[in-house]
Protein backbone atom coordinates (compact mmCIF):
# COMPACT_ATOMS: atom_id res chain seq x y z
CA MET A 1 -65.18 -2.96 -171.22
CA VAL A 2 -61.60 -3.80 -172.21
CA ALA A 3 -62.21 -7.53 -172.51
CA ALA A 4 -65.58 -7.45 -174.30
CA ASP A 5 -64.18 -7.71 -177.80
CA LYS A 6 -61.38 -10.12 -176.96
CA LEU A 7 -62.80 -12.78 -174.65
CA LYS A 8 -65.62 -15.28 -174.85
CA LYS A 9 -67.54 -16.01 -171.67
CA ILE A 10 -67.87 -19.80 -171.56
CA SER A 11 -69.33 -20.16 -168.07
CA GLU A 12 -69.82 -18.15 -164.88
CA ASP A 13 -66.49 -16.40 -164.08
CA VAL A 14 -64.62 -18.26 -166.86
CA TRP A 15 -63.52 -16.33 -169.96
CA GLU A 16 -61.79 -17.89 -172.96
CA ILE A 17 -59.17 -16.49 -175.30
CA PRO A 18 -59.78 -18.47 -178.50
CA THR A 19 -56.84 -19.97 -180.39
CA ASP A 20 -57.44 -17.60 -183.30
CA TYR A 21 -56.78 -14.60 -181.03
CA LYS A 22 -53.21 -14.56 -182.29
CA PRO A 23 -51.03 -16.78 -184.50
CA GLY A 24 -49.18 -19.65 -182.88
CA MET A 25 -51.56 -20.43 -180.02
CA ASN A 26 -51.49 -24.17 -179.32
CA VAL A 27 -54.32 -24.06 -176.79
CA PRO A 28 -56.92 -21.52 -175.68
CA GLY A 29 -56.44 -19.21 -172.73
CA HIS A 30 -58.74 -19.28 -169.72
CA ILE A 31 -59.09 -16.28 -167.42
CA PHE A 32 -61.06 -16.61 -164.20
CA LEU A 33 -62.82 -13.32 -163.43
CA SER A 34 -66.20 -12.07 -162.30
CA ASP A 35 -68.12 -9.59 -164.43
CA ARG A 36 -67.07 -6.92 -161.97
CA LEU A 37 -63.36 -7.77 -162.00
CA ILE A 38 -63.14 -8.06 -165.77
CA GLU A 39 -63.89 -4.34 -166.05
CA GLY A 40 -60.33 -3.63 -164.88
CA LEU A 41 -58.56 -6.31 -166.89
CA GLU A 42 -55.53 -5.00 -168.79
CA SER A 43 -55.25 -5.79 -172.50
CA GLY A 44 -51.60 -6.60 -171.86
CA ALA A 45 -52.58 -9.34 -169.42
CA ILE A 46 -54.78 -10.92 -172.10
CA ASP A 47 -51.89 -10.75 -174.57
CA GLN A 48 -49.49 -12.34 -172.09
CA THR A 49 -51.94 -15.17 -171.33
CA ALA A 50 -52.27 -15.76 -175.09
CA ASN A 51 -48.50 -15.67 -175.58
CA VAL A 52 -48.03 -18.40 -172.98
CA ALA A 53 -50.44 -20.53 -175.02
CA THR A 54 -47.92 -20.50 -177.90
CA LEU A 55 -45.23 -22.34 -175.92
CA PRO A 56 -44.42 -25.94 -176.94
CA GLY A 57 -46.00 -28.79 -175.01
CA ILE A 58 -48.54 -26.70 -173.10
CA GLN A 59 -51.49 -28.75 -171.82
CA ARG A 60 -55.22 -27.89 -171.93
CA TYR A 61 -54.96 -24.12 -171.78
CA SER A 62 -52.97 -21.15 -170.53
CA MET A 63 -54.57 -19.81 -167.35
CA ALA A 64 -54.84 -16.55 -165.43
CA MET A 65 -56.21 -16.39 -161.90
CA PRO A 66 -58.57 -13.59 -160.73
CA ASP A 67 -55.64 -11.55 -159.34
CA VAL A 68 -54.21 -11.34 -162.88
CA HIS A 69 -52.18 -8.32 -164.00
CA ILE A 70 -49.23 -7.69 -166.29
CA GLY A 71 -45.97 -9.39 -165.34
CA TYR A 72 -42.70 -10.41 -166.96
CA GLY A 73 -43.44 -12.95 -169.71
CA PHE A 74 -46.28 -14.72 -167.92
CA PRO A 75 -48.92 -12.48 -166.37
CA ILE A 76 -48.93 -12.32 -162.59
CA GLY A 77 -51.53 -14.94 -161.70
CA GLY A 78 -50.46 -17.06 -164.67
CA VAL A 79 -50.50 -20.86 -164.58
CA ALA A 80 -49.37 -23.26 -167.29
CA ALA A 81 -48.56 -26.98 -167.31
CA PHE A 82 -46.14 -28.53 -169.81
CA ASP A 83 -45.69 -32.12 -170.92
CA THR A 84 -42.31 -33.34 -169.64
CA GLU A 85 -41.40 -34.84 -173.02
CA THR A 86 -42.53 -32.10 -175.41
CA GLY A 87 -42.72 -29.07 -173.15
CA VAL A 88 -40.43 -26.32 -171.90
CA ILE A 89 -39.43 -24.47 -168.77
CA SER A 90 -39.31 -20.67 -168.72
CA PRO A 91 -37.88 -18.32 -166.06
CA GLY A 92 -40.59 -15.86 -167.11
CA GLY A 93 -43.14 -18.40 -165.91
CA VAL A 94 -41.59 -18.45 -162.44
CA GLY A 95 -40.54 -14.86 -161.89
CA PHE A 96 -37.65 -12.96 -160.39
CA ASP A 97 -38.62 -13.45 -156.75
CA ILE A 98 -38.37 -17.23 -156.81
CA ASN A 99 -40.62 -18.79 -154.17
CA CYS A 100 -42.01 -15.52 -152.99
CA GLY A 101 -44.48 -17.07 -150.59
CA VAL A 102 -46.59 -16.82 -147.49
CA ARG A 103 -46.61 -18.66 -144.19
CA LEU A 104 -49.14 -18.45 -141.41
CA LEU A 105 -48.42 -18.95 -137.71
CA ARG A 106 -51.35 -19.59 -135.38
CA SER A 107 -50.89 -18.51 -131.78
CA GLU A 108 -52.40 -19.43 -128.42
CA LEU A 109 -53.22 -15.73 -127.94
CA MET A 110 -56.59 -14.13 -128.54
CA ALA A 111 -57.15 -10.67 -129.99
CA ASP A 112 -57.99 -9.18 -126.59
CA ASP A 113 -54.55 -10.33 -125.37
CA VAL A 114 -52.80 -8.46 -128.17
CA LYS A 115 -54.74 -5.34 -129.14
CA PRO A 116 -53.68 -3.28 -126.07
CA HIS A 117 -50.06 -4.07 -126.88
CA LYS A 118 -50.12 -3.90 -130.68
CA VAL A 119 -47.80 -0.89 -130.98
CA ASP A 120 -45.17 -2.46 -128.74
CA LEU A 121 -45.51 -5.83 -130.50
CA ILE A 122 -45.16 -4.49 -134.03
CA ASN A 123 -42.17 -2.43 -132.91
CA ALA A 124 -40.66 -5.61 -131.45
CA LEU A 125 -41.22 -7.50 -134.73
CA TYR A 126 -39.83 -4.60 -136.75
CA GLU A 127 -36.74 -4.62 -134.56
CA ALA A 128 -36.38 -8.41 -134.70
CA VAL A 129 -36.62 -8.81 -138.49
CA PRO A 130 -34.54 -6.57 -140.80
CA SER A 131 -36.66 -5.08 -143.56
CA GLY A 132 -36.52 -2.59 -146.40
CA LEU A 133 -34.75 -2.35 -149.75
CA GLY A 134 -31.27 -3.90 -149.57
CA SER A 135 -31.72 -4.86 -145.92
CA GLU A 136 -29.03 -7.11 -144.48
CA SER A 137 -29.36 -9.85 -141.90
CA LYS A 138 -28.29 -9.85 -138.26
CA PHE A 139 -26.03 -12.80 -138.98
CA ARG A 140 -23.85 -14.06 -141.80
CA VAL A 141 -23.52 -17.44 -143.44
CA ASN A 142 -20.26 -18.54 -145.04
CA ASP A 143 -20.06 -20.14 -148.48
CA ALA A 144 -20.38 -23.70 -147.14
CA GLN A 145 -23.44 -22.78 -145.07
CA LEU A 146 -25.03 -20.93 -147.98
CA ALA A 147 -24.57 -24.00 -150.17
CA GLU A 148 -26.45 -26.07 -147.58
CA VAL A 149 -29.21 -23.46 -147.49
CA PHE A 150 -29.54 -23.74 -151.26
CA ARG A 151 -29.53 -27.53 -151.02
CA THR A 152 -31.78 -28.20 -148.01
CA GLY A 153 -33.83 -25.04 -147.44
CA ALA A 154 -35.87 -24.81 -144.25
CA ARG A 155 -34.29 -28.01 -142.94
CA TRP A 156 -30.95 -26.18 -142.67
CA ALA A 157 -32.63 -23.49 -140.57
CA VAL A 158 -34.32 -25.98 -138.24
CA GLU A 159 -31.15 -28.05 -137.82
CA ASN A 160 -29.35 -24.85 -136.84
CA GLY A 161 -31.83 -23.91 -134.15
CA TYR A 162 -34.33 -21.80 -136.09
CA GLY A 163 -37.60 -23.60 -135.49
CA VAL A 164 -38.78 -27.15 -134.85
CA LYS A 165 -39.09 -30.28 -136.95
CA ALA A 166 -42.90 -29.97 -137.06
CA ASP A 167 -42.45 -26.77 -139.09
CA LEU A 168 -41.03 -28.80 -141.97
CA GLU A 169 -44.09 -31.04 -142.08
CA HIS A 170 -46.25 -27.98 -142.69
CA CYS A 171 -44.26 -26.47 -145.57
CA GLU A 172 -44.94 -27.06 -149.24
CA GLU A 173 -42.24 -29.54 -150.35
CA ASN A 174 -41.39 -29.82 -146.64
CA GLY A 175 -39.43 -26.62 -147.20
CA GLU A 176 -36.82 -28.49 -149.23
CA MET A 177 -37.27 -28.74 -152.98
CA LYS A 178 -35.42 -31.73 -154.40
CA GLY A 179 -33.06 -31.34 -157.33
CA ALA A 180 -31.39 -28.16 -156.11
CA ASP A 181 -27.74 -27.76 -157.04
CA PRO A 182 -25.76 -24.86 -155.55
CA ALA A 183 -23.15 -25.32 -158.29
CA LYS A 184 -25.69 -23.98 -160.79
CA VAL A 185 -26.04 -20.72 -158.84
CA SER A 186 -23.71 -17.96 -160.01
CA LYS A 187 -21.17 -16.22 -157.77
CA LYS A 188 -23.10 -12.98 -158.16
CA ALA A 189 -26.30 -14.65 -156.91
CA ARG A 190 -24.42 -16.15 -153.96
CA ASP A 191 -22.86 -12.79 -153.14
CA ARG A 192 -26.28 -11.14 -153.17
CA GLY A 193 -27.88 -13.88 -151.08
CA ARG A 194 -25.22 -14.29 -148.41
CA PRO A 195 -25.94 -11.09 -146.43
CA GLN A 196 -29.72 -11.18 -146.88
CA LEU A 197 -30.73 -14.51 -145.34
CA GLY A 198 -33.19 -13.69 -142.56
CA THR A 199 -34.54 -10.43 -144.02
CA LEU A 200 -38.00 -9.35 -145.11
CA GLY A 201 -37.02 -7.18 -148.05
CA SER A 202 -39.21 -4.49 -149.58
CA GLY A 203 -42.16 -4.07 -151.93
CA ASN A 204 -45.23 -6.08 -150.99
CA HIS A 205 -43.42 -8.13 -148.34
CA PHE A 206 -44.70 -7.85 -144.79
CA LEU A 207 -45.18 -9.22 -141.31
CA GLU A 208 -48.76 -8.92 -140.12
CA ILE A 209 -50.41 -9.57 -136.76
CA GLN A 210 -53.98 -10.61 -137.47
CA LYS A 211 -57.22 -11.75 -135.89
CA VAL A 212 -59.32 -14.64 -137.17
CA GLU A 213 -62.50 -12.68 -137.82
CA LYS A 214 -64.74 -15.33 -139.34
CA ILE A 215 -64.80 -19.09 -139.86
CA TYR A 216 -66.60 -20.43 -142.95
CA ASP A 217 -65.91 -24.15 -142.55
CA GLU A 218 -65.71 -25.29 -138.92
CA ALA A 219 -64.39 -28.79 -139.67
CA VAL A 220 -61.55 -27.63 -141.91
CA ALA A 221 -60.72 -24.71 -139.62
CA LYS A 222 -60.44 -27.13 -136.71
CA ALA A 223 -58.04 -29.28 -138.73
CA PHE A 224 -55.96 -26.16 -139.45
CA GLY A 225 -56.08 -25.17 -135.74
CA LEU A 226 -57.98 -21.93 -136.36
CA LYS A 227 -60.83 -20.39 -134.36
CA GLU A 228 -62.58 -17.02 -134.22
CA GLY A 229 -60.82 -14.34 -132.22
CA GLN A 230 -57.46 -16.10 -132.40
CA VAL A 231 -54.27 -14.18 -133.19
CA THR A 232 -52.21 -15.24 -136.19
CA VAL A 233 -49.04 -13.89 -137.77
CA MET A 234 -48.58 -13.88 -141.54
CA ILE A 235 -45.13 -13.68 -143.14
CA HIS A 236 -44.80 -12.73 -146.81
CA CYS A 237 -41.34 -12.69 -148.42
CA GLY A 238 -39.14 -14.60 -150.85
CA SER A 239 -35.64 -15.33 -152.04
CA ARG A 240 -34.35 -11.74 -151.97
CA GLY A 241 -31.39 -10.83 -154.20
CA ALA A 242 -30.34 -14.46 -154.64
CA GLY A 243 -33.56 -15.41 -156.41
CA HIS A 244 -33.60 -12.23 -158.48
CA GLN A 245 -30.08 -12.87 -159.70
CA ILE A 246 -30.77 -16.54 -160.49
CA CYS A 247 -33.66 -15.46 -162.70
CA THR A 248 -31.61 -12.69 -164.31
CA ASP A 249 -28.77 -15.11 -165.10
CA TYR A 250 -31.00 -17.76 -166.63
CA VAL A 251 -33.15 -15.40 -168.69
CA LYS A 252 -29.96 -14.75 -170.67
CA THR A 253 -29.22 -18.46 -170.88
CA MET A 254 -32.75 -19.19 -172.10
CA GLU A 255 -32.62 -16.49 -174.77
CA GLN A 256 -29.71 -18.35 -176.32
CA ALA A 257 -31.39 -21.72 -175.76
CA SER A 258 -34.58 -20.62 -177.52
CA ARG A 259 -32.57 -19.83 -180.62
CA LYS A 260 -30.50 -23.00 -180.31
CA TYR A 261 -33.58 -25.25 -180.20
CA GLY A 262 -35.55 -23.30 -182.81
CA ILE A 263 -38.34 -22.23 -180.47
CA LYS A 264 -40.38 -19.40 -181.96
CA LEU A 265 -41.05 -16.79 -179.28
CA TYR A 266 -43.99 -14.42 -179.53
CA ASP A 267 -42.52 -12.54 -176.58
CA ARG A 268 -38.79 -12.46 -175.77
CA GLN A 269 -39.67 -12.54 -172.09
CA LEU A 270 -40.93 -16.12 -172.58
CA ALA A 271 -37.40 -17.36 -173.38
CA CYS A 272 -37.34 -21.07 -172.57
CA ALA A 273 -35.71 -24.42 -173.24
CA PRO A 274 -37.00 -27.97 -173.74
CA LEU A 275 -37.37 -29.75 -170.40
CA SER A 276 -35.00 -32.47 -171.58
CA SER A 277 -32.21 -30.01 -172.42
CA PRO A 278 -29.10 -29.26 -170.31
CA GLU A 279 -30.13 -25.60 -170.09
CA ALA A 280 -33.54 -26.53 -168.62
CA LYS A 281 -31.99 -28.92 -166.12
CA ASP A 282 -29.46 -26.30 -165.03
CA TYR A 283 -32.18 -23.69 -164.57
CA PHE A 284 -34.40 -26.04 -162.59
CA ALA A 285 -31.48 -26.91 -160.28
CA ALA A 286 -30.74 -23.22 -159.70
CA MET A 287 -34.42 -22.31 -159.34
CA ALA A 288 -34.87 -25.07 -156.73
CA ALA A 289 -31.87 -23.65 -154.87
CA GLY A 290 -33.53 -20.22 -154.91
CA ALA A 291 -36.79 -21.74 -153.66
CA ASN A 292 -34.93 -23.43 -150.81
CA TYR A 293 -33.26 -20.14 -149.88
CA ALA A 294 -36.72 -18.58 -149.60
CA TRP A 295 -38.02 -21.36 -147.34
CA ALA A 296 -34.97 -21.01 -145.11
CA ASN A 297 -35.51 -17.25 -145.07
CA ARG A 298 -39.13 -17.55 -143.92
CA GLN A 299 -38.13 -20.21 -141.39
CA ILE A 300 -35.55 -17.93 -139.77
CA ILE A 301 -38.01 -15.03 -139.72
CA SER A 302 -40.59 -17.30 -138.07
CA HIS A 303 -38.10 -18.11 -135.33
CA TRP A 304 -37.47 -14.42 -134.66
CA VAL A 305 -41.22 -13.73 -134.60
CA ARG A 306 -41.68 -16.44 -131.96
CA GLU A 307 -38.79 -15.05 -129.95
CA ALA A 308 -40.23 -11.52 -130.09
CA PHE A 309 -43.63 -12.64 -128.80
CA SER A 310 -42.15 -14.81 -126.05
CA LYS A 311 -39.78 -12.05 -124.96
CA TYR A 312 -42.61 -9.50 -124.82
CA TYR A 313 -44.98 -11.71 -122.83
CA LYS A 314 -42.10 -13.07 -120.70
CA ARG A 315 -43.16 -16.66 -121.33
CA ASP A 316 -43.09 -19.25 -124.09
CA VAL A 317 -45.90 -18.19 -126.45
CA ARG A 318 -46.85 -21.17 -128.59
CA MET A 319 -46.98 -20.27 -132.28
CA ASP A 320 -47.42 -23.29 -134.55
CA LEU A 321 -46.99 -23.15 -138.31
CA VAL A 322 -50.28 -23.70 -140.12
CA TYR A 323 -48.66 -23.87 -143.55
CA ASP A 324 -46.17 -22.26 -145.93
CA VAL A 325 -47.03 -21.87 -149.63
CA ALA A 326 -44.92 -20.85 -152.63
CA HIS A 327 -46.09 -18.39 -155.29
CA ASN A 328 -43.36 -18.28 -157.94
CA VAL A 329 -42.10 -21.72 -158.85
CA ALA A 330 -42.12 -24.50 -161.47
CA LYS A 331 -42.67 -28.03 -160.18
CA PHE A 332 -42.90 -31.55 -161.54
CA GLU A 333 -46.29 -32.99 -160.63
CA GLU A 334 -48.65 -35.73 -161.79
CA HIS A 335 -52.03 -34.63 -163.12
CA GLU A 336 -54.82 -36.13 -165.18
CA VAL A 337 -55.13 -34.86 -168.74
CA ASP A 338 -57.93 -36.24 -170.91
CA GLY A 339 -58.38 -39.15 -168.54
CA VAL A 340 -54.69 -40.09 -168.51
CA LYS A 341 -52.25 -39.42 -165.67
CA LYS A 342 -49.27 -37.46 -166.96
CA ALA A 343 -46.04 -36.05 -165.56
CA LEU A 344 -46.14 -32.30 -166.03
CA CYS A 345 -44.01 -29.29 -165.23
CA VAL A 346 -46.46 -26.79 -163.74
CA HIS A 347 -45.47 -23.11 -163.71
CA ARG A 348 -47.22 -20.94 -161.12
CA LYS A 349 -46.34 -17.26 -161.48
CA GLY A 350 -48.08 -15.26 -158.78
CA ALA A 351 -50.32 -18.27 -158.21
CA THR A 352 -50.63 -20.75 -155.36
CA ARG A 353 -50.72 -24.54 -155.32
CA ALA A 354 -54.08 -25.74 -153.94
CA PHE A 355 -54.07 -29.54 -153.77
CA ALA A 356 -57.16 -31.58 -152.96
CA PRO A 357 -57.78 -33.99 -150.08
CA GLY A 358 -56.01 -37.29 -150.55
CA ARG A 359 -52.97 -36.01 -152.45
CA SER A 360 -49.76 -37.41 -150.99
CA GLU A 361 -48.13 -33.96 -151.19
CA VAL A 362 -50.57 -32.64 -148.56
CA PRO A 363 -49.36 -33.00 -144.94
CA VAL A 364 -50.84 -35.98 -143.12
CA ALA A 365 -52.58 -33.68 -140.63
CA TYR A 366 -54.51 -32.03 -143.49
CA ARG A 367 -54.83 -34.86 -145.98
CA ASP A 368 -58.51 -35.46 -145.23
CA VAL A 369 -59.48 -31.81 -145.75
CA GLY A 370 -57.07 -30.55 -148.42
CA GLN A 371 -53.99 -28.35 -148.56
CA PRO A 372 -54.16 -25.02 -146.71
CA VAL A 373 -54.12 -22.08 -149.11
CA ILE A 374 -53.04 -18.69 -147.75
CA ILE A 375 -54.11 -15.57 -149.66
CA PRO A 376 -52.76 -12.31 -148.20
CA GLY A 377 -54.41 -8.93 -148.32
CA SER A 378 -52.69 -5.54 -148.13
CA MET A 379 -52.46 -3.78 -144.77
CA GLY A 380 -56.03 -2.54 -144.49
CA SER A 381 -57.72 -5.44 -146.27
CA ALA A 382 -58.55 -8.95 -145.13
CA SER A 383 -56.52 -12.07 -145.81
CA TYR A 384 -57.99 -15.53 -146.33
CA VAL A 385 -57.24 -19.13 -145.54
CA LEU A 386 -58.76 -21.58 -148.00
CA ALA A 387 -58.41 -25.28 -148.77
CA GLY A 388 -57.62 -27.11 -152.00
CA THR A 389 -60.37 -29.04 -153.78
CA GLN A 390 -60.83 -31.82 -156.30
CA ARG A 391 -62.51 -29.30 -158.58
CA GLY A 392 -59.29 -27.31 -158.54
CA MET A 393 -57.31 -30.39 -159.57
CA GLU A 394 -59.61 -30.82 -162.56
CA LEU A 395 -59.89 -27.18 -163.59
CA THR A 396 -56.53 -25.54 -162.79
CA PHE A 397 -53.99 -28.32 -162.14
CA GLY A 398 -54.52 -27.68 -158.43
CA SER A 399 -53.87 -23.92 -158.57
CA THR A 400 -55.52 -20.76 -157.28
CA CYS A 401 -54.77 -17.05 -156.85
CA HIS A 402 -51.98 -15.68 -154.64
CA GLY A 403 -53.42 -12.33 -153.55
CA ALA A 404 -55.75 -9.58 -154.65
CA GLY A 405 -53.69 -8.36 -157.63
CA ARG A 406 -52.50 -4.83 -158.30
CA VAL A 407 -54.59 -2.27 -160.16
CA MET A 408 -52.05 0.56 -159.84
CA SER A 409 -48.31 0.55 -160.49
CA ARG A 410 -45.90 1.50 -157.74
CA SER A 411 -44.87 4.65 -159.60
CA ALA A 412 -48.51 5.71 -159.99
CA ALA A 413 -49.15 4.98 -156.32
CA LEU A 414 -46.22 7.16 -155.27
CA LYS A 415 -47.55 9.96 -157.45
CA ASP A 416 -51.17 9.84 -156.25
CA ILE A 417 -51.04 8.50 -152.67
CA ARG A 418 -49.42 9.87 -149.52
CA GLY A 419 -48.08 7.18 -147.22
CA ASN A 420 -48.53 9.25 -144.06
CA GLU A 421 -52.21 9.75 -144.93
CA VAL A 422 -52.71 6.00 -145.49
CA LYS A 423 -51.00 5.35 -142.16
CA ARG A 424 -53.34 7.83 -140.43
CA GLN A 425 -56.45 6.35 -142.01
CA LEU A 426 -55.44 2.83 -141.02
CA LEU A 427 -54.73 3.95 -137.46
CA GLU A 428 -58.25 5.38 -137.27
CA ARG A 429 -59.46 1.87 -138.10
CA GLY A 430 -57.29 0.43 -135.33
CA ILE A 431 -54.51 -0.88 -137.61
CA VAL A 432 -50.93 0.07 -136.73
CA VAL A 433 -48.42 0.22 -139.60
CA LYS A 434 -44.64 0.34 -139.28
CA ALA A 435 -42.45 0.85 -142.36
CA PRO A 436 -38.94 2.07 -143.27
CA LYS A 437 -40.46 5.13 -144.98
CA ASP A 438 -43.86 6.50 -145.94
CA ALA A 439 -43.24 5.69 -149.61
CA ALA A 440 -43.28 1.98 -148.74
CA ILE A 441 -46.79 2.45 -147.36
CA ALA A 442 -47.99 4.44 -150.37
CA GLU A 443 -46.75 1.77 -152.80
CA GLU A 444 -48.76 -0.91 -151.01
CA ALA A 445 -51.85 1.04 -149.95
CA PRO A 446 -55.07 -1.00 -149.96
CA GLU A 447 -56.48 0.98 -152.88
CA VAL A 448 -53.69 -0.12 -155.27
CA TYR A 449 -55.10 -3.65 -155.14
CA LYS A 450 -58.32 -5.28 -156.30
CA GLU A 451 -60.97 -5.97 -153.69
CA ILE A 452 -59.80 -9.21 -152.15
CA ASP A 453 -63.31 -10.25 -151.12
CA GLU A 454 -64.33 -10.19 -154.78
CA VAL A 455 -61.24 -12.17 -155.84
CA ILE A 456 -61.88 -14.80 -153.17
CA ALA A 457 -65.55 -15.00 -154.19
CA VAL A 458 -64.41 -16.06 -157.68
CA VAL A 459 -62.10 -18.89 -156.57
CA ASP A 460 -64.60 -20.07 -153.96
CA GLY A 461 -67.51 -19.84 -156.39
CA LEU A 462 -65.65 -21.79 -159.05
CA GLY A 463 -64.64 -24.35 -156.44
CA ILE A 464 -60.92 -24.19 -157.25
CA SER A 465 -60.35 -23.55 -153.54
CA LYS A 466 -62.86 -23.10 -150.75
CA LYS A 467 -63.07 -20.49 -148.02
CA VAL A 468 -62.10 -21.59 -144.52
CA ALA A 469 -61.32 -18.41 -142.57
CA ARG A 470 -61.14 -14.63 -142.94
CA LEU A 471 -58.32 -12.80 -141.15
CA VAL A 472 -58.15 -9.07 -140.49
CA PRO A 473 -55.06 -6.98 -139.67
CA ILE A 474 -54.22 -5.66 -136.21
CA ALA A 475 -50.68 -4.40 -136.90
CA VAL A 476 -48.38 -4.54 -139.91
CA ALA A 477 -44.62 -4.26 -140.43
CA LYS A 478 -43.89 -3.41 -144.07
CA GLY A 479 -40.73 -4.13 -145.98
């Protein structure tokens, strides 16, 4: 077992990387994995979790969620919180697809209303929402409009006719992260973002028509507006080329800043700057702009999804937003550390915020039950809706996993898997898949991911988020 000699099991599904694992660690590392999942843990992911623990001002421990695998700097599934006075901010702790995230629409339709029409519906969604590598939108924004997108996010989309005000109430940060400054976004990032607003992109991004297969918590599901047999639509995408370029630009800035401020890096990909520095403030302002772009992007796509359903059924099909969560972002939040409330900068890289009941950041409609948490599967596998818990606030700074986690690289998948065969197998199971090319299906085949049921069992068992509903795919449009 790869982790046997490197990790110490301190409780059920919690493994510790001790501070003597490598020089410079300020805190231990904690990895949340079952005995079964730890069999596939990469040594590189352990090293990355330990490297994060060397960063200045880190609180408690460096963490990796059960979907952990190797990333850039931080592992995917990595979480770390930094003291605002002594800590740092690192683009490697956010990622290149800033605010890659997931939103879930609940519909008034039931599965029996949709299944006979699933081919037509997924074709309609595929036609309505541009997808694929380098895909460009059906409309263009000018420089002034793009600046407003960067500044106000989903609110810009709603104010311009893409959605309703209630959508904003059910987005993390209300779809508008404060502190964004378009002036801190480079011309190259703006040029990449301008033609891509309102596009799905490629990779693991998707639109999925689903059925609520099982409810685990009736009271919370009722608060979320979910019931068995109901049709939902899940949207997974991010900030496209704009976010990628923002990260690329600021990785270079942070490499210089690390040297300037005398920060010893155990991995160049963890380049960072003190939170009080001009470089950190500039990056946060640009990152927030990228996050807002992503929220506007998902808001526009939601509008086109609603239009496609209403056009197909020749009536207004109600599709309310359950919630929209971010995966790749750094945020200033208040948390309790050693019995004292502290302002922290929490990095979630391929991890999801999962706040408990009572937190002011949770929408009023959900404040008594906790923040909705949306964990997507991959075409043939289930997705889950969970809720944030107080245990999660105590154990993970209100964080949980963001998906199942890859076990095979895209290049390996393309070598070993045939997309047309995956498509055929899924069709035999009643799941229709639409993609720009078969390679896009091969790269994201269910078998390249961990078993999501096992991943969810870990977060639910630990109590860092609790199961509410299980969703299964009916039809999928891949990026």
